[in-house]
N, C-alpha and C. Protein backbone atom coordinates (compact mmCIF):
# COMPACT_ATOMS: atom_id res chain seq x y z
N MET A 1 -25.15 -13.77 67.03
CA MET A 1 -24.42 -13.94 65.96
C MET A 1 -24.49 -12.60 65.33
N ALA A 2 -23.53 -12.19 64.69
CA ALA A 2 -23.67 -10.81 63.99
C ALA A 2 -22.68 -11.43 62.54
N GLU A 3 -23.10 -10.63 61.30
CA GLU A 3 -21.99 -11.08 60.00
C GLU A 3 -21.57 -9.48 59.52
N LEU A 4 -20.62 -9.81 59.45
CA LEU A 4 -19.40 -8.36 58.52
C LEU A 4 -19.28 -8.80 57.82
N ILE A 5 -18.89 -7.87 57.16
CA ILE A 5 -18.18 -7.96 55.76
C ILE A 5 -17.03 -7.02 55.92
N LEU A 6 -16.09 -7.16 55.89
CA LEU A 6 -14.34 -6.84 55.10
C LEU A 6 -14.60 -6.57 54.16
N PHE A 7 -14.50 -5.22 54.01
CA PHE A 7 -14.38 -4.15 52.71
C PHE A 7 -12.59 -4.13 51.74
N ASN A 8 -11.82 -3.96 51.23
CA ASN A 8 -11.15 -3.10 51.29
C ASN A 8 -11.55 -2.22 49.71
N LYS A 9 -11.67 -1.09 50.26
CA LYS A 9 -12.04 -0.19 49.27
C LYS A 9 -11.32 0.38 47.95
N PRO A 10 -11.13 0.48 47.05
CA PRO A 10 -10.61 1.31 46.01
C PRO A 10 -10.54 2.92 46.08
N PHE A 11 -10.13 3.38 45.59
CA PHE A 11 -9.36 4.63 45.52
C PHE A 11 -10.75 5.26 44.38
N GLN A 12 -10.77 6.39 44.85
CA GLN A 12 -12.58 6.98 44.46
C GLN A 12 -13.74 6.08 44.35
N VAL A 13 -13.79 5.43 45.00
CA VAL A 13 -15.46 4.97 45.45
C VAL A 13 -15.98 4.60 46.98
N LEU A 14 -17.03 5.91 46.65
CA LEU A 14 -17.84 6.30 47.61
C LEU A 14 -18.28 5.29 48.50
N SER A 15 -17.86 5.63 49.67
CA SER A 15 -18.79 4.72 51.11
C SER A 15 -19.78 4.46 51.21
N GLN A 16 -21.21 4.42 50.53
CA GLN A 16 -22.08 4.48 50.37
C GLN A 16 -23.02 3.65 48.86
N PHE A 17 -23.69 2.96 48.97
CA PHE A 17 -24.63 2.45 47.87
C PHE A 17 -25.16 3.26 47.27
N THR A 18 -25.70 4.39 47.10
CA THR A 18 -26.13 5.48 46.10
C THR A 18 -25.31 6.60 46.17
N ASP A 19 -25.02 7.37 44.89
CA ASP A 19 -24.66 8.52 45.30
C ASP A 19 -25.47 9.89 45.47
N THR A 20 -26.01 10.07 46.08
CA THR A 20 -26.69 11.23 46.88
C THR A 20 -26.82 12.41 45.76
N ASP A 21 -25.15 13.29 45.71
CA ASP A 21 -24.76 13.86 45.21
C ASP A 21 -24.57 14.12 43.70
N ALA A 22 -24.87 12.87 42.76
CA ALA A 22 -24.46 12.00 42.08
C ALA A 22 -23.96 13.79 41.02
N PRO A 23 -23.31 13.59 39.67
CA PRO A 23 -23.21 15.45 39.01
C PRO A 23 -24.23 14.89 38.22
N ALA A 24 -25.06 16.66 37.86
CA ALA A 24 -25.90 16.78 36.90
C ALA A 24 -25.44 17.28 35.92
N THR A 25 -23.44 17.46 35.39
CA THR A 25 -23.45 17.86 34.20
C THR A 25 -23.62 16.77 33.12
N ALA A 26 -24.23 16.91 32.28
CA ALA A 26 -24.91 15.81 31.28
C ALA A 26 -22.80 15.66 30.41
N GLY A 27 -22.45 14.14 30.60
CA GLY A 27 -21.48 13.18 29.73
C GLY A 27 -21.06 13.37 31.15
N GLN A 28 -21.22 14.30 32.15
CA GLN A 28 -19.93 13.81 33.51
C GLN A 28 -20.02 12.32 33.63
N LYS A 29 -18.79 11.49 34.09
CA LYS A 29 -19.06 10.11 34.18
C LYS A 29 -19.48 10.19 35.72
N PRO A 30 -20.61 9.20 36.22
CA PRO A 30 -20.87 9.08 38.07
C PRO A 30 -19.76 8.60 38.72
N ARG A 31 -19.76 8.73 39.39
CA ARG A 31 -19.04 8.17 40.44
C ARG A 31 -18.68 6.89 41.12
N SER A 32 -18.13 6.02 41.20
CA SER A 32 -18.63 4.61 41.52
C SER A 32 -19.26 4.39 42.79
N THR A 33 -20.02 3.52 43.32
CA THR A 33 -20.24 3.51 44.64
C THR A 33 -19.98 2.14 45.26
N LEU A 34 -20.60 1.53 46.53
CA LEU A 34 -20.15 -0.02 47.01
C LEU A 34 -21.23 -0.79 45.83
N ALA A 35 -22.39 -0.14 45.58
CA ALA A 35 -23.19 -1.20 44.36
C ALA A 35 -22.45 -1.85 43.78
N ASP A 36 -21.25 -0.81 42.80
CA ASP A 36 -20.65 -1.07 41.93
C ASP A 36 -19.54 -2.62 42.44
N TRP A 37 -19.55 -3.13 43.55
CA TRP A 37 -18.64 -4.04 44.01
C TRP A 37 -19.25 -4.87 45.34
N VAL A 38 -20.17 -4.55 46.10
CA VAL A 38 -20.60 -5.61 46.78
C VAL A 38 -22.16 -5.88 46.96
N ARG A 39 -22.62 -7.04 46.87
CA ARG A 39 -23.78 -6.96 46.05
C ARG A 39 -24.57 -7.91 46.94
N ILE A 40 -24.51 -7.87 48.32
CA ILE A 40 -25.13 -8.34 49.64
C ILE A 40 -26.53 -7.42 49.96
N PRO A 41 -27.98 -7.61 50.05
CA PRO A 41 -28.53 -6.88 50.33
C PRO A 41 -28.95 -6.72 52.03
N GLY A 42 -29.35 -5.70 51.79
CA GLY A 42 -29.59 -5.50 53.87
C GLY A 42 -28.63 -5.00 54.38
N ILE A 43 -27.13 -4.40 54.17
CA ILE A 43 -26.27 -4.59 54.72
C ILE A 43 -26.10 -2.71 54.60
N TYR A 44 -25.05 -1.99 55.68
CA TYR A 44 -24.99 -0.86 55.45
C TYR A 44 -23.29 -0.54 56.41
N PRO A 45 -22.85 0.37 55.54
CA PRO A 45 -21.54 0.95 56.38
C PRO A 45 -21.08 0.77 57.62
N ALA A 46 -20.15 0.83 58.19
CA ALA A 46 -20.24 1.02 59.82
C ALA A 46 -19.05 2.30 59.58
N GLY A 47 -19.31 3.50 59.18
CA GLY A 47 -18.60 4.20 59.17
C GLY A 47 -18.39 4.32 57.94
N ARG A 48 -17.32 5.24 57.38
CA ARG A 48 -17.41 6.10 56.40
C ARG A 48 -15.47 5.55 55.89
N LEU A 49 -15.69 5.36 54.85
CA LEU A 49 -13.94 6.19 54.31
C LEU A 49 -13.94 7.19 53.03
N ASP A 50 -13.21 8.59 53.31
CA ASP A 50 -12.94 9.26 51.88
C ASP A 50 -13.25 8.73 50.84
N TYR A 51 -13.50 9.45 50.38
CA TYR A 51 -13.94 8.93 48.11
C TYR A 51 -12.22 8.90 48.04
N ASP A 52 -11.23 9.68 48.22
CA ASP A 52 -10.19 9.48 47.58
C ASP A 52 -9.06 8.76 48.52
N SER A 53 -10.03 8.23 49.59
CA SER A 53 -9.00 7.12 50.52
C SER A 53 -8.93 5.75 49.96
N GLU A 54 -8.40 4.90 50.45
CA GLU A 54 -8.36 3.28 50.29
C GLU A 54 -8.37 2.55 51.51
N GLY A 55 -8.91 1.16 51.13
CA GLY A 55 -8.30 0.44 52.26
C GLY A 55 -9.67 -0.09 53.25
N LEU A 56 -9.81 -0.73 54.24
CA LEU A 56 -10.73 -1.05 55.04
C LEU A 56 -12.20 -0.36 55.39
N LEU A 57 -12.84 -0.93 54.77
CA LEU A 57 -14.60 -0.08 55.22
C LEU A 57 -15.37 -2.05 55.60
N LEU A 58 -15.74 -1.02 57.04
CA LEU A 58 -16.84 -2.67 57.49
C LEU A 58 -18.70 -2.29 57.02
N LEU A 59 -18.61 -2.90 56.87
CA LEU A 59 -20.36 -3.21 56.69
C LEU A 59 -20.70 -4.36 56.92
N THR A 60 -21.92 -4.46 57.77
CA THR A 60 -23.07 -5.03 58.62
C THR A 60 -24.70 -4.39 58.45
N SER A 61 -25.53 -5.48 58.70
CA SER A 61 -26.44 -5.47 58.93
C SER A 61 -27.13 -5.21 60.32
N ASN A 62 -26.41 -5.34 61.10
CA ASN A 62 -26.42 -5.02 62.85
C ASN A 62 -26.61 -3.94 63.57
N GLY A 63 -27.51 -3.68 63.78
CA GLY A 63 -27.29 -1.66 64.22
C GLY A 63 -26.53 -1.89 65.69
N SER A 64 -26.41 -3.46 66.31
CA SER A 64 -25.58 -3.22 67.51
C SER A 64 -23.84 -3.37 67.08
N LEU A 65 -23.61 -3.91 66.21
CA LEU A 65 -22.10 -4.39 65.54
C LEU A 65 -22.20 -2.60 65.14
N GLN A 66 -22.71 -2.32 64.02
CA GLN A 66 -22.38 -1.17 63.62
C GLN A 66 -22.45 0.21 64.43
N HIS A 67 -22.99 0.01 65.48
CA HIS A 67 -22.93 1.31 66.85
C HIS A 67 -21.82 1.12 67.55
N ARG A 68 -21.43 -0.24 67.43
CA ARG A 68 -19.69 -0.21 68.34
C ARG A 68 -19.04 0.10 67.52
N ILE A 69 -18.85 -0.42 66.30
CA ILE A 69 -17.78 0.26 65.34
C ILE A 69 -17.54 1.80 64.93
N ALA A 70 -18.88 2.20 64.81
CA ALA A 70 -18.90 3.24 64.03
C ALA A 70 -18.92 4.87 65.35
N SER A 71 -19.88 4.42 66.73
CA SER A 71 -19.40 5.36 67.25
C SER A 71 -18.09 5.95 68.01
N PRO A 72 -18.08 7.87 68.08
CA PRO A 72 -16.76 8.04 68.54
C PRO A 72 -17.27 7.76 70.32
N ALA A 73 -17.94 7.38 70.95
CA ALA A 73 -17.59 7.48 71.83
C ALA A 73 -16.89 5.89 72.29
N LEU A 74 -16.87 4.96 71.58
CA LEU A 74 -16.40 3.93 72.11
C LEU A 74 -14.91 4.07 71.13
N LYS A 75 -14.23 4.82 70.65
CA LYS A 75 -13.10 5.05 70.41
C LYS A 75 -12.20 3.37 69.83
N MET A 76 -12.96 3.19 69.23
CA MET A 76 -12.33 2.18 68.36
C MET A 76 -10.82 2.81 67.67
N ALA A 77 -9.95 2.08 67.68
CA ALA A 77 -8.44 2.40 67.09
C ALA A 77 -8.93 2.10 65.62
N LYS A 78 -8.26 2.76 64.77
CA LYS A 78 -8.03 3.08 63.53
C LYS A 78 -6.32 3.65 62.71
N THR A 79 -6.40 2.28 62.11
CA THR A 79 -4.31 2.56 61.87
C THR A 79 -4.99 2.14 60.17
N TYR A 80 -4.09 3.33 59.81
CA TYR A 80 -3.96 3.63 58.41
C TYR A 80 -2.27 3.96 58.04
N TRP A 81 -1.80 3.80 56.94
CA TRP A 81 -0.86 4.09 56.26
C TRP A 81 -0.81 4.94 55.62
N VAL A 82 -0.08 6.00 55.11
CA VAL A 82 -0.04 7.22 54.95
C VAL A 82 1.04 7.39 53.47
N GLN A 83 1.10 7.74 52.88
CA GLN A 83 2.17 8.17 52.15
C GLN A 83 2.43 9.59 52.19
N VAL A 84 2.97 10.79 52.50
CA VAL A 84 3.02 11.48 53.05
C VAL A 84 4.00 12.25 51.50
N GLU A 85 4.15 13.45 51.24
CA GLU A 85 5.15 14.61 50.94
C GLU A 85 6.27 14.99 51.32
N GLY A 86 7.51 14.97 51.11
CA GLY A 86 9.10 14.61 51.78
C GLY A 86 9.19 13.94 53.16
N ASP A 87 10.77 14.08 53.74
CA ASP A 87 11.09 13.48 54.38
C ASP A 87 10.61 13.26 55.75
N VAL A 88 9.37 12.86 55.94
CA VAL A 88 8.88 13.30 57.32
C VAL A 88 9.92 13.18 58.93
N SER A 89 9.81 14.00 59.65
CA SER A 89 10.83 14.08 60.64
C SER A 89 10.38 13.66 61.60
N ALA A 90 11.22 13.24 63.28
CA ALA A 90 10.87 12.65 64.28
C ALA A 90 10.14 14.11 64.86
N SER A 91 10.38 15.29 64.90
CA SER A 91 9.57 16.15 65.29
C SER A 91 8.21 16.03 65.43
N ALA A 92 7.97 16.19 63.71
CA ALA A 92 6.61 15.60 63.50
C ALA A 92 5.66 14.37 63.87
N ILE A 93 6.51 13.53 64.21
CA ILE A 93 6.42 12.25 64.78
C ILE A 93 5.37 12.68 66.02
N GLU A 94 6.65 13.25 66.69
CA GLU A 94 5.95 13.75 67.98
C GLU A 94 5.04 14.14 68.11
N ALA A 95 4.74 14.54 67.42
CA ALA A 95 3.55 16.36 67.36
C ALA A 95 2.25 15.63 67.27
N LEU A 96 2.38 14.42 65.79
CA LEU A 96 1.20 13.82 66.22
C LEU A 96 1.00 12.74 66.94
N CYS A 97 1.94 12.42 67.58
CA CYS A 97 1.47 11.28 69.41
C CYS A 97 0.92 12.08 70.70
N ALA A 98 1.45 13.11 70.22
CA ALA A 98 1.01 14.13 71.45
C ALA A 98 -0.45 14.93 71.12
N GLY A 99 -1.15 14.96 69.72
CA GLY A 99 -1.80 15.62 69.31
C GLY A 99 -1.62 17.26 69.05
N VAL A 100 -1.96 17.25 67.92
CA VAL A 100 -2.11 18.67 67.38
C VAL A 100 -3.24 19.53 66.90
N THR A 101 -3.56 20.62 66.93
CA THR A 101 -4.35 21.49 67.05
C THR A 101 -5.16 21.35 65.59
N LEU A 102 -6.29 21.25 65.36
CA LEU A 102 -6.97 21.74 64.26
C LEU A 102 -7.57 22.59 64.13
N LYS A 103 -8.74 23.23 62.97
CA LYS A 103 -9.79 24.09 63.12
C LYS A 103 -10.82 23.68 64.13
N ASP A 104 -11.36 22.50 64.28
CA ASP A 104 -12.25 21.61 65.04
C ASP A 104 -11.59 21.51 66.31
N GLY A 105 -10.43 21.81 66.60
CA GLY A 105 -10.09 20.93 68.01
C GLY A 105 -8.97 20.73 68.22
N ARG A 106 -8.58 20.48 69.30
CA ARG A 106 -6.69 19.38 69.31
C ARG A 106 -7.55 17.68 69.57
N THR A 107 -6.14 17.33 68.14
CA THR A 107 -6.68 15.98 68.54
C THR A 107 -6.27 14.97 69.55
N ARG A 108 -7.23 13.65 70.16
CA ARG A 108 -6.64 12.94 70.91
C ARG A 108 -4.64 12.83 70.56
N PRO A 109 -4.05 12.23 71.79
CA PRO A 109 -2.50 11.71 71.26
C PRO A 109 -2.73 10.53 70.78
N ALA A 110 -2.25 10.07 69.04
CA ALA A 110 -2.14 9.44 68.23
C ALA A 110 -0.61 8.49 68.74
N LYS A 111 -0.98 7.12 68.06
CA LYS A 111 -0.12 6.80 67.46
C LYS A 111 0.79 6.53 66.56
N ALA A 112 2.32 6.91 66.41
CA ALA A 112 2.71 7.54 65.13
C ALA A 112 4.00 6.64 64.88
N ARG A 113 4.66 6.47 63.95
CA ARG A 113 5.62 5.84 63.81
C ARG A 113 6.09 6.54 62.07
N ARG A 114 7.16 6.43 61.66
CA ARG A 114 7.27 5.86 60.03
C ARG A 114 7.71 4.61 60.07
N MET A 115 7.35 4.09 58.34
CA MET A 115 7.75 2.46 58.33
C MET A 115 7.94 2.28 57.42
N GLU A 116 8.54 1.27 56.65
CA GLU A 116 8.90 0.83 55.26
C GLU A 116 8.11 1.45 54.24
N GLU A 117 7.88 1.58 53.00
CA GLU A 117 7.16 2.06 52.28
C GLU A 117 6.21 0.49 52.07
N PRO A 118 4.98 -0.22 52.24
CA PRO A 118 4.33 -1.08 51.94
C PRO A 118 4.11 -1.62 50.75
N LYS A 119 4.56 -3.31 51.00
CA LYS A 119 3.82 -3.64 49.66
C LYS A 119 2.61 -3.84 49.26
N LEU A 120 1.87 -2.86 48.55
CA LEU A 120 0.73 -2.54 48.62
C LEU A 120 0.43 -2.64 46.51
N TRP A 121 -0.96 -2.77 46.52
CA TRP A 121 -1.23 -2.87 44.65
C TRP A 121 -1.39 -1.59 44.02
N PRO A 122 -1.29 -1.02 41.91
CA PRO A 122 -1.34 0.12 42.37
C PRO A 122 -1.63 1.03 42.32
N ARG A 123 -2.25 1.86 42.59
CA ARG A 123 -2.96 3.25 42.79
C ARG A 123 -3.68 3.78 40.95
N VAL A 124 -5.03 3.09 41.04
CA VAL A 124 -5.20 4.22 39.62
C VAL A 124 -6.02 5.35 39.86
N PRO A 125 -5.44 6.16 39.18
CA PRO A 125 -4.54 7.01 38.52
C PRO A 125 -3.53 6.66 39.62
N PRO A 126 -2.08 7.10 39.35
CA PRO A 126 -1.18 6.74 39.83
C PRO A 126 -0.91 8.04 40.95
N VAL A 127 -0.05 7.93 42.35
CA VAL A 127 0.36 9.29 42.84
C VAL A 127 0.95 10.13 41.70
N ARG A 128 1.02 11.50 41.97
CA ARG A 128 1.63 12.24 40.82
C ARG A 128 3.03 12.70 42.52
N GLN A 129 4.10 12.21 41.37
CA GLN A 129 5.17 12.86 42.66
C GLN A 129 6.22 13.26 41.98
N ARG A 130 6.71 14.19 42.65
CA ARG A 130 7.68 15.34 41.97
C ARG A 130 9.54 15.11 41.64
N ASP A 131 10.43 14.99 41.01
CA ASP A 131 11.57 13.97 41.73
C ASP A 131 12.13 14.76 42.53
N THR A 132 11.92 16.04 42.67
CA THR A 132 13.16 17.02 43.17
C THR A 132 12.47 16.45 44.85
N VAL A 133 11.31 15.84 45.29
CA VAL A 133 10.74 16.25 46.44
C VAL A 133 10.65 14.93 46.76
N PRO A 134 11.72 13.88 47.90
CA PRO A 134 10.86 12.95 48.15
C PRO A 134 9.55 12.52 48.92
N THR A 135 9.38 11.38 48.98
CA THR A 135 8.02 10.88 50.13
C THR A 135 8.22 9.96 51.12
N SER A 136 7.52 10.06 51.92
CA SER A 136 7.95 8.57 53.23
C SER A 136 6.78 8.47 53.44
N TRP A 137 6.77 7.48 54.38
CA TRP A 137 5.32 6.56 54.83
C TRP A 137 5.28 6.06 56.34
N LEU A 138 4.14 6.71 56.69
CA LEU A 138 3.75 6.75 58.37
C LEU A 138 2.77 5.16 58.63
N GLU A 139 2.86 4.73 59.57
CA GLU A 139 1.60 4.34 60.61
C GLU A 139 1.15 4.88 61.11
N LEU A 140 -0.23 5.28 61.70
CA LEU A 140 -1.36 6.27 62.12
C LEU A 140 -2.09 5.64 62.77
N THR A 141 -2.40 5.36 64.18
CA THR A 141 -3.28 4.82 64.72
C THR A 141 -3.74 5.99 65.83
N ILE A 142 -5.27 6.57 65.16
CA ILE A 142 -6.21 7.61 65.81
C ILE A 142 -7.46 6.35 66.35
N THR A 143 -8.07 7.37 67.69
CA THR A 143 -9.54 6.87 67.87
C THR A 143 -10.50 8.24 68.20
N GLU A 144 -10.11 8.54 66.54
CA GLU A 144 -11.35 9.67 66.69
C GLU A 144 -12.00 9.38 64.98
N GLY A 145 -12.92 10.13 64.91
CA GLY A 145 -13.43 9.87 63.37
C GLY A 145 -13.47 11.49 62.81
N ARG A 146 -13.03 12.29 63.15
CA ARG A 146 -13.28 13.76 62.57
C ARG A 146 -13.34 13.50 60.76
N ASN A 147 -14.21 14.75 60.28
CA ASN A 147 -13.64 14.60 58.70
C ASN A 147 -12.29 14.81 58.18
N ARG A 148 -11.92 14.83 56.95
CA ARG A 148 -10.64 13.96 56.70
C ARG A 148 -9.67 14.17 57.74
N GLN A 149 -9.39 13.60 59.06
CA GLN A 149 -8.20 13.75 60.21
C GLN A 149 -7.26 13.36 59.45
N VAL A 150 -7.22 12.19 59.45
CA VAL A 150 -5.71 12.16 59.03
C VAL A 150 -4.77 13.01 58.35
N ARG A 151 -5.44 13.42 57.48
CA ARG A 151 -4.93 14.16 55.96
C ARG A 151 -4.73 15.87 56.78
N ARG A 152 -5.57 16.31 57.68
CA ARG A 152 -5.44 17.38 57.98
C ARG A 152 -3.85 17.31 59.05
N MET A 153 -4.03 16.00 60.32
CA MET A 153 -3.00 15.87 61.06
C MET A 153 -1.41 16.23 60.39
N THR A 154 -1.54 15.20 59.35
CA THR A 154 -0.55 15.39 59.00
C THR A 154 0.40 16.69 57.62
N ALA A 155 -0.57 17.27 57.56
CA ALA A 155 -0.70 18.41 56.92
C ALA A 155 -0.22 19.43 58.31
N ALA A 156 -1.05 19.79 59.56
CA ALA A 156 -0.30 20.20 60.33
C ALA A 156 1.10 20.41 60.69
N VAL A 157 1.56 19.23 60.48
CA VAL A 157 2.88 18.97 60.76
C VAL A 157 3.95 19.21 59.94
N GLY A 158 3.31 19.65 58.44
CA GLY A 158 4.13 19.83 57.64
C GLY A 158 4.02 19.38 56.71
N PHE A 159 3.55 17.62 56.59
CA PHE A 159 3.94 16.24 55.35
C PHE A 159 2.34 16.60 54.94
N PRO A 160 2.03 16.87 53.55
CA PRO A 160 0.92 16.76 52.96
C PRO A 160 0.59 15.21 52.70
N THR A 161 -0.71 14.71 53.17
CA THR A 161 -0.48 13.22 52.54
C THR A 161 -0.79 12.97 50.66
N LEU A 162 -0.07 12.50 50.63
CA LEU A 162 -0.07 12.02 48.72
C LEU A 162 -1.29 10.50 48.88
N ARG A 163 -0.98 9.79 49.75
CA ARG A 163 -1.96 8.89 49.45
C ARG A 163 -2.57 8.37 50.88
N LEU A 164 -3.55 7.57 50.77
CA LEU A 164 -4.04 7.13 52.49
C LEU A 164 -5.28 6.23 52.52
N ILE A 165 -4.59 4.67 53.50
CA ILE A 165 -5.31 3.16 53.16
C ILE A 165 -5.23 3.28 54.46
N ARG A 166 -6.78 3.03 54.79
CA ARG A 166 -7.03 1.90 56.13
C ARG A 166 -6.78 0.89 56.35
N TYR A 167 -5.64 0.17 56.96
CA TYR A 167 -4.95 -0.88 57.38
C TYR A 167 -6.00 -1.40 58.44
N ARG A 168 -5.97 -1.24 59.53
CA ARG A 168 -7.31 -2.19 60.34
C ARG A 168 -7.94 -0.72 61.08
N ILE A 169 -9.15 -1.28 61.36
CA ILE A 169 -10.08 -1.15 62.33
C ILE A 169 -10.69 -2.22 63.16
N GLY A 170 -10.16 -1.55 64.84
CA GLY A 170 -10.03 -2.91 65.77
C GLY A 170 -9.16 -4.03 65.48
N ASP A 171 -9.91 -4.90 65.80
CA ASP A 171 -9.24 -6.34 65.40
C ASP A 171 -9.11 -6.56 64.02
N TRP A 172 -9.79 -6.22 63.25
CA TRP A 172 -9.86 -6.76 61.48
C TRP A 172 -8.69 -5.94 60.42
N SER A 173 -8.62 -6.34 59.70
CA SER A 173 -7.39 -5.58 59.11
C SER A 173 -7.87 -5.99 57.74
N LEU A 174 -7.15 -5.63 56.34
CA LEU A 174 -6.71 -6.17 55.66
C LEU A 174 -5.96 -7.33 54.98
N ASP A 175 -5.10 -7.27 55.68
CA ASP A 175 -4.52 -8.91 55.34
C ASP A 175 -5.73 -9.96 54.49
N GLY A 176 -5.26 -10.35 53.24
CA GLY A 176 -5.75 -11.22 52.59
C GLY A 176 -6.61 -10.61 51.57
N LEU A 177 -6.78 -9.53 51.25
CA LEU A 177 -7.85 -8.97 50.21
C LEU A 177 -7.36 -7.96 49.61
N GLU A 178 -7.80 -8.35 48.68
CA GLU A 178 -7.40 -7.59 46.88
C GLU A 178 -8.15 -6.39 47.14
N PRO A 179 -8.21 -4.93 46.42
CA PRO A 179 -8.63 -3.80 46.43
C PRO A 179 -9.96 -4.50 45.91
N GLY A 180 -11.06 -3.83 45.94
CA GLY A 180 -12.20 -4.34 45.14
C GLY A 180 -12.99 -5.80 45.83
N LYS A 181 -12.15 -6.32 46.00
CA LYS A 181 -12.43 -7.96 47.32
C LYS A 181 -13.12 -7.94 48.69
N TYR A 182 -14.05 -8.37 48.83
CA TYR A 182 -14.70 -8.41 50.44
C TYR A 182 -14.46 -10.19 51.41
N ARG A 183 -14.44 -9.69 52.66
CA ARG A 183 -14.78 -11.92 53.25
C ARG A 183 -16.00 -11.28 53.99
N GLU A 184 -16.71 -12.09 54.59
CA GLU A 184 -17.51 -12.46 55.35
C GLU A 184 -17.66 -13.38 56.42
N ILE A 185 -17.43 -12.88 57.70
CA ILE A 185 -17.20 -13.19 58.74
C ILE A 185 -18.29 -13.13 59.38
N SER A 186 -18.15 -13.99 61.01
CA SER A 186 -19.51 -14.35 62.01
C SER A 186 -18.89 -13.77 63.35
N ILE A 187 -19.54 -12.77 63.94
CA ILE A 187 -19.18 -12.03 65.44
C ILE A 187 -20.03 -12.36 66.25
N ASN A 188 -19.81 -13.22 67.50
CA ASN A 188 -20.41 -13.14 68.55
C ASN A 188 -20.20 -12.28 69.46
N LEU A 189 -21.58 -10.88 69.52
CA LEU A 189 -21.88 -10.08 69.87
C LEU A 189 -21.73 -10.27 71.60
N PRO A 190 -21.31 -9.05 72.54
CA PRO A 190 -22.04 -9.83 74.29
C PRO A 190 -23.26 -10.07 74.62
N ALA A 191 -23.89 -10.15 75.63
CA ALA A 191 -24.81 -10.79 75.26
C ALA A 191 -25.44 -9.11 75.36
N ALA A 192 -24.83 -7.87 76.24
CA ALA A 192 -25.59 -6.70 76.43
C ALA A 192 -25.85 -5.69 74.81
N ALA A 193 -25.63 -6.37 73.89
CA ALA A 193 -25.26 -5.43 72.73
C ALA A 193 -26.35 -6.93 72.00
N GLN A 194 -26.77 -7.97 72.34
CA GLN A 194 -28.05 -8.43 71.78
C GLN A 194 -29.02 -7.60 71.64
N PRO A 195 -29.60 -8.01 70.87
CA PRO A 195 -31.16 -7.37 71.15
C PRO A 195 -31.92 -7.33 72.41
N ARG A 196 -32.85 -7.17 73.34
CA ARG A 196 -33.75 -7.61 74.26
C ARG A 196 -34.78 -8.28 73.56
N LYS A 197 -35.03 -9.31 73.78
CA LYS A 197 -36.35 -10.08 73.85
C LYS A 197 -37.52 -9.66 74.88
N GLN A 198 -38.56 -9.23 74.33
CA GLN A 198 -39.42 -8.40 74.84
C GLN A 198 -41.02 -9.93 75.88
N PRO A 199 -40.76 -9.39 76.94
CA PRO A 199 -41.59 -10.24 77.80
C PRO A 199 -43.04 -10.68 77.17
N PRO A 200 -43.31 -11.56 77.29
CA PRO A 200 -44.87 -12.54 76.76
C PRO A 200 -46.10 -11.52 77.48
N ARG A 201 -46.92 -11.03 76.40
CA ARG A 201 -47.84 -9.79 76.84
C ARG A 201 -49.11 -10.45 78.00
N ALA A 202 -49.23 -10.23 79.01
CA ALA A 202 -50.23 -11.33 79.90
C ALA A 202 -51.78 -11.37 79.40
N ARG A 203 -52.66 -12.17 79.58
CA ARG A 203 -53.36 -12.88 78.26
C ARG A 203 -54.51 -12.56 79.46
N SER A 204 -55.52 -11.81 79.06
CA SER A 204 -57.38 -11.73 80.00
C SER A 204 -57.95 -13.17 80.11
N ALA A 205 -58.15 -13.62 81.01
CA ALA A 205 -58.48 -15.02 81.63
C ALA A 205 -59.80 -14.93 80.38
N LYS A 206 -60.40 -14.08 80.09
CA LYS A 206 -61.64 -13.78 79.12
C LYS A 206 -61.16 -14.03 77.78
N THR A 207 -59.86 -14.12 77.43
CA THR A 207 -59.87 -14.10 76.07
C THR A 207 -58.95 -15.39 76.11
N PRO A 208 -60.11 -15.90 75.06
CA PRO A 208 -59.70 -17.16 74.28
C PRO A 208 -58.63 -17.56 73.36
N ARG A 209 -57.78 -18.22 73.83
CA ARG A 209 -56.34 -18.58 73.53
C ARG A 209 -56.44 -18.91 71.97
N THR A 210 -55.86 -18.64 70.67
CA THR A 210 -55.75 -19.12 69.73
C THR A 210 -54.88 -20.06 69.26
N ILE A 211 -55.15 -21.20 68.50
CA ILE A 211 -54.16 -22.45 68.57
C ILE A 211 -53.59 -22.62 67.46
N GLN A 212 -52.79 -22.41 66.44
CA GLN A 212 -52.52 -22.38 65.08
C GLN A 212 -51.83 -23.60 64.52
N ARG A 213 -52.72 -24.56 64.04
CA ARG A 213 -52.53 -26.33 63.01
C ARG A 213 -52.05 -26.29 61.83
N SER A 214 -50.97 -26.60 62.08
CA SER A 214 -50.11 -26.96 60.59
C SER A 214 -51.01 -28.02 59.73
């Protein structure tokens, strides 16, 4: 069994427990970290979520589980709810599904669809919107983890991201989690993912056996 923490990361919270690039300017407010929200010792994030993104972040103390979630080679699907600037077109959705070319290469095909605005908590500070420019929402599922990938993908098809929420990772979702809250669950790992037990060391016949008594 392995313990897994499902955390709904608020906007402008680092997905790490310390700010290794803390602002040096006197009087500048320090950035919020996971240590301000999750007080469970010995855990660490399985993957990351950008400072200016919100939503599901998974944490664990189990290295095998962390690898299964975060490893790019295992291609665990991640689903995002994305508010974009503009009235997103069918051609843009088709392009996202086919894969788009970014500076670091072409993305894998994604699953993308237009969605109604979800019922969400208000963001603080709120998204800046222009009265003359509409916004729309997408559900986008990818199996990669490039730096700021979703934002770059929507920009590449002509619709810049305004708000980004990770809703699901694999089988785990945000359902029932308010921002800043977390839930602990237990996971059964496959036998192959469990740490291997070391075989007992052979003992020399000349070595006396020590018996501990309580």
